[in-house]
Protein backbone atom coordinates (compact mmCIF):
# COMPACT_ATOMS: atom_id res chain seq x y z
CA UNK A 1 72.87 54.55 58.23
CA UNK A 2 72.15 53.12 61.66
CA UNK A 3 68.39 52.62 61.46
CA UNK A 4 68.23 51.93 65.18
CA UNK A 5 68.95 55.65 65.60
CA UNK A 6 66.66 56.80 62.79
CA UNK A 7 63.21 58.39 62.88
CA UNK A 8 61.32 57.87 59.62
CA UNK A 9 58.37 60.12 58.81
CA UNK A 10 55.92 59.14 56.08
CA UNK A 11 53.40 61.46 54.45
CA UNK A 12 50.04 59.75 53.92
CA UNK A 13 48.11 61.10 50.93
CA UNK A 14 49.87 60.31 47.67
CA UNK A 15 52.71 58.58 49.51
CA UNK A 16 51.11 55.73 51.44
CA UNK A 17 48.06 56.00 49.19
CA UNK A 18 48.09 55.79 45.42
CA UNK A 19 46.32 59.16 45.12
CA UNK A 20 45.40 61.98 47.50
CA UNK A 21 42.38 60.77 49.48
CA UNK A 22 41.17 64.28 50.28
CA UNK A 23 41.21 65.22 46.60
CA UNK A 24 39.36 61.99 45.79
CA UNK A 25 36.64 62.91 48.30
CA UNK A 26 36.33 66.43 46.93
CA UNK A 27 36.17 65.27 43.32
CA UNK A 28 33.44 62.77 44.19
CA UNK A 29 31.34 64.75 46.65
CA UNK A 30 32.02 68.52 46.55
CA UNK A 31 31.13 71.38 44.26
CA UNK A 32 33.90 71.94 41.68
CA UNK A 33 34.66 75.32 43.25
CA UNK A 34 36.84 73.44 45.75
CA UNK A 35 39.54 73.72 43.09
CA UNK A 36 39.62 77.50 43.47
CA UNK A 37 40.48 77.08 47.14
CA UNK A 38 43.13 74.53 46.22
CA UNK A 39 44.69 77.00 43.80
CA UNK A 40 44.93 79.58 46.58
CA UNK A 41 46.73 77.04 48.75
CA UNK A 42 49.14 75.84 46.06
CA UNK A 43 49.87 79.46 45.16
CA UNK A 44 50.71 80.29 48.77
CA UNK A 45 47.84 82.74 49.33
CA UNK A 46 46.42 80.65 52.19
CA UNK A 47 47.84 77.95 54.45
CA UNK A 48 46.75 74.34 54.60
CA UNK A 49 44.63 74.83 57.73
CA UNK A 50 42.41 77.41 56.04
CA UNK A 51 42.32 75.37 52.85
CA UNK A 52 41.27 72.21 54.68
CA UNK A 53 38.61 73.96 56.76
CA UNK A 54 37.00 75.65 53.77
CA UNK A 55 37.04 72.49 51.65
CA UNK A 56 35.78 70.32 54.52
CA UNK A 57 32.76 72.63 54.76
CA UNK A 58 31.92 71.67 51.18
CA UNK A 59 31.67 67.93 51.95
CA UNK A 60 28.52 66.19 53.24
CA UNK A 61 28.27 65.44 56.97
CA UNK A 62 27.66 61.77 56.25
CA UNK A 63 30.27 59.61 57.95
CA UNK A 64 29.30 56.38 56.23
CA UNK A 65 29.37 57.98 52.78
CA UNK A 66 32.70 59.72 53.39
CA UNK A 67 34.29 56.52 54.66
CA UNK A 68 32.96 54.53 51.72
CA UNK A 69 34.42 56.96 49.19
CA UNK A 70 37.74 57.20 51.07
CA UNK A 71 37.97 53.40 51.07
CA UNK A 72 38.07 53.48 47.26
CA UNK A 73 41.63 54.80 47.41
CA UNK A 74 44.26 52.09 47.17
CA UNK A 75 47.37 51.88 49.32
CA UNK A 76 50.88 51.55 47.97
CA UNK A 77 51.43 47.79 48.38
CA UNK A 78 54.93 48.47 49.64
CA UNK A 79 53.83 50.21 52.83
CA UNK A 80 53.54 47.04 54.94
CA UNK A 81 56.95 45.61 54.02
CA UNK A 82 58.58 49.04 54.45
CA UNK A 83 57.13 49.58 57.92
CA UNK A 84 57.85 46.01 59.02
CA UNK A 85 61.43 46.21 57.80
CA UNK A 86 62.10 49.56 59.44
CA UNK A 87 60.70 48.45 62.78
CA UNK A 88 62.66 45.21 62.64
CA UNK A 89 65.80 47.32 62.14
CA UNK A 90 64.92 49.43 65.20
CA UNK A 91 63.75 52.61 63.47
CA UNK A 92 60.95 54.82 64.74
CA UNK A 93 58.17 55.13 62.15
CA UNK A 94 55.56 57.90 62.22
CA UNK A 95 52.96 58.98 59.68
CA UNK A 96 52.45 62.75 59.46
CA UNK A 97 49.33 63.73 57.53
CA UNK A 98 47.81 67.14 56.89
CA UNK A 99 44.52 65.74 55.61
CA UNK A 100 41.10 65.02 57.08
CA UNK A 101 42.55 62.37 59.35
CA UNK A 102 39.83 59.76 59.65
CA UNK A 103 40.99 57.59 56.75
CA UNK A 104 44.64 57.78 57.85
CA UNK A 105 43.57 56.77 61.36
CA UNK A 106 41.95 53.62 59.98
CA UNK A 107 44.97 52.60 57.91
CA UNK A 108 47.57 53.38 60.57
CA UNK A 109 45.58 51.49 63.21
CA UNK A 110 45.64 48.39 60.98
CA UNK A 111 49.39 48.75 60.40
CA UNK A 112 50.18 49.70 63.99
CA UNK A 113 51.92 52.96 62.98
CA UNK A 114 52.03 56.12 65.08
CA UNK A 115 50.08 58.94 63.43
CA UNK A 116 49.96 62.72 63.69
CA UNK A 117 47.02 64.17 61.79
CA UNK A 118 43.92 66.34 61.91
CA UNK A 119 40.75 64.96 63.49
CA UNK A 120 37.06 64.87 62.64
CA UNK A 121 34.53 65.08 65.47
CA UNK A 122 31.71 63.04 63.95
CA UNK A 123 29.27 64.26 66.61
CA UNK A 124 29.56 67.88 65.49
CA UNK A 125 31.05 67.38 62.03
CA UNK A 126 33.91 69.71 62.96
CA UNK A 127 37.44 69.31 61.60
CA UNK A 128 39.96 70.02 64.37
CA UNK A 129 43.72 70.56 64.35
CA UNK A 130 45.38 69.01 67.43
CA UNK A 131 48.88 69.13 65.93
CA UNK A 132 49.14 72.81 65.05
CA UNK A 133 52.49 74.31 66.12
CA UNK A 134 51.67 77.90 67.01
CA UNK A 135 55.35 78.54 67.81
CA UNK A 136 56.25 77.84 64.18
CA UNK A 137 57.00 81.03 62.21
CA UNK A 138 54.30 80.19 59.65
CA UNK A 139 51.69 78.59 61.98
CA UNK A 140 49.32 78.10 59.05
CA UNK A 141 49.47 74.32 58.67
CA UNK A 142 46.85 71.94 60.00
CA UNK A 143 49.43 69.40 61.11
CA UNK A 144 52.93 70.83 61.54
CA UNK A 145 55.29 68.36 59.91
CA UNK A 146 58.39 70.20 61.05
CA UNK A 147 57.67 69.83 64.78
CA UNK A 148 58.19 66.04 65.07
CA UNK A 149 61.33 66.24 62.93
CA UNK A 150 62.75 68.94 65.22
CA UNK A 151 61.91 66.79 68.24
CA UNK A 152 63.65 63.74 66.76
CA UNK A 153 66.74 65.75 65.92
CA UNK A 154 66.88 67.11 69.48
CA UNK A 155 66.95 63.49 70.63
CA UNK A 156 69.94 62.80 68.40
CA UNK A 157 67.99 60.82 65.80
CA UNK A 158 68.75 60.75 62.09
CA UNK A 159 65.58 61.97 60.39
CA UNK A 160 64.16 60.58 57.16
CA UNK A 161 61.14 62.08 55.42
CA UNK A 162 59.14 60.53 52.57
CA UNK A 163 56.60 62.70 50.76
CA UNK A 164 55.05 63.89 47.55
CA UNK A 165 53.18 67.18 47.87
CA UNK A 166 52.87 70.83 48.85
CA UNK A 167 52.26 70.10 52.54
CA UNK A 168 55.62 68.32 52.68
CA UNK A 169 57.80 71.26 51.66
CA UNK A 170 58.63 72.54 55.13
CA UNK A 171 59.47 69.05 56.39
CA UNK A 172 61.64 68.54 53.32
CA UNK A 173 63.82 71.45 54.38
CA UNK A 174 64.62 69.86 57.76
CA UNK A 175 65.03 66.13 57.20
CA UNK A 176 68.53 64.67 57.10
CA UNK A 177 67.46 62.35 54.28
CA UNK A 178 64.60 63.19 51.95
CA UNK A 179 62.72 60.93 49.56
CA UNK A 180 60.47 62.86 47.17
CA UNK A 181 58.23 62.23 44.18
CA UNK A 182 55.64 64.06 42.09
CA UNK A 183 55.04 67.72 43.00
CA UNK A 184 57.47 67.63 45.92
CA UNK A 185 60.27 66.37 43.70
CA UNK A 186 59.53 69.11 41.17
CA UNK A 187 59.63 71.74 43.91
CA UNK A 188 62.90 70.36 45.30
CA UNK A 189 64.46 70.59 41.85
CA UNK A 190 63.39 74.22 41.53
CA UNK A 191 64.41 75.14 45.08
CA UNK A 192 67.73 73.31 45.03
CA UNK A 193 66.76 70.93 47.84
CA UNK A 194 68.67 67.65 47.78
CA UNK A 195 66.47 64.56 47.62
CA UNK A 196 66.32 60.94 46.58
CA UNK A 197 63.62 60.27 43.98
CA UNK A 198 61.21 57.39 44.43
CA UNK A 199 58.22 56.05 42.53
CA UNK A 200 56.89 53.59 45.10
CA UNK A 201 57.52 52.68 48.72
CA UNK A 202 59.38 49.59 47.53
CA UNK A 203 62.02 52.00 46.20
CA UNK A 204 62.30 53.56 49.67
CA UNK A 205 62.49 50.15 51.31
CA UNK A 206 65.31 49.01 49.05
CA UNK A 207 67.21 52.26 49.57
CA UNK A 208 66.96 52.16 53.36
CA UNK A 209 67.04 48.44 54.05
CA UNK A 210 68.88 46.86 51.13
CA UNK A 211 69.18 43.13 51.65
CA UNK A 212 67.53 43.47 55.08
CA UNK A 213 64.26 44.45 53.39
């Protein structure tokens, strides 16, 4: 693959991070009833935007405390070498995250990676969704992960998506090359969606970059 003509999209929670940061926050700081909302989302009764908004309302409006708990979540140590190698090869790299946003903003700023995610207004405590695609047939996601893939394909780019969870399913259906693990890999198996399994971002780096990585 000519990486100079590739657009690589990375999920954040559970892909760049070792575990889902939003789930970590909820487990640490919210009433256990957040799991009932999660079950509605996983079962397809509600979309991610409604799920996120209802669960966000269960968390304290304490920026310092939320950031401190989010900082407990480790990154996959392979993210830096993967991003550096892809950029050196000329690929576009974008993180697409349908989480609470603030912790992904911090990480992506340090790594210098473009990011599409939801946003917290710390003045009001409101969770906002600047990357909703209301033209999408479902229009229920917080951050539409299909929209940037469609845009890259219109520009003649080869699209690569790397993800692990429920919010990645729609993107998985569009990407030219899909890397999947955990719940996303299980879903792809059941749905007959072709994918390349990975356990860590080092696996993705070796697959895409080979000796260049």
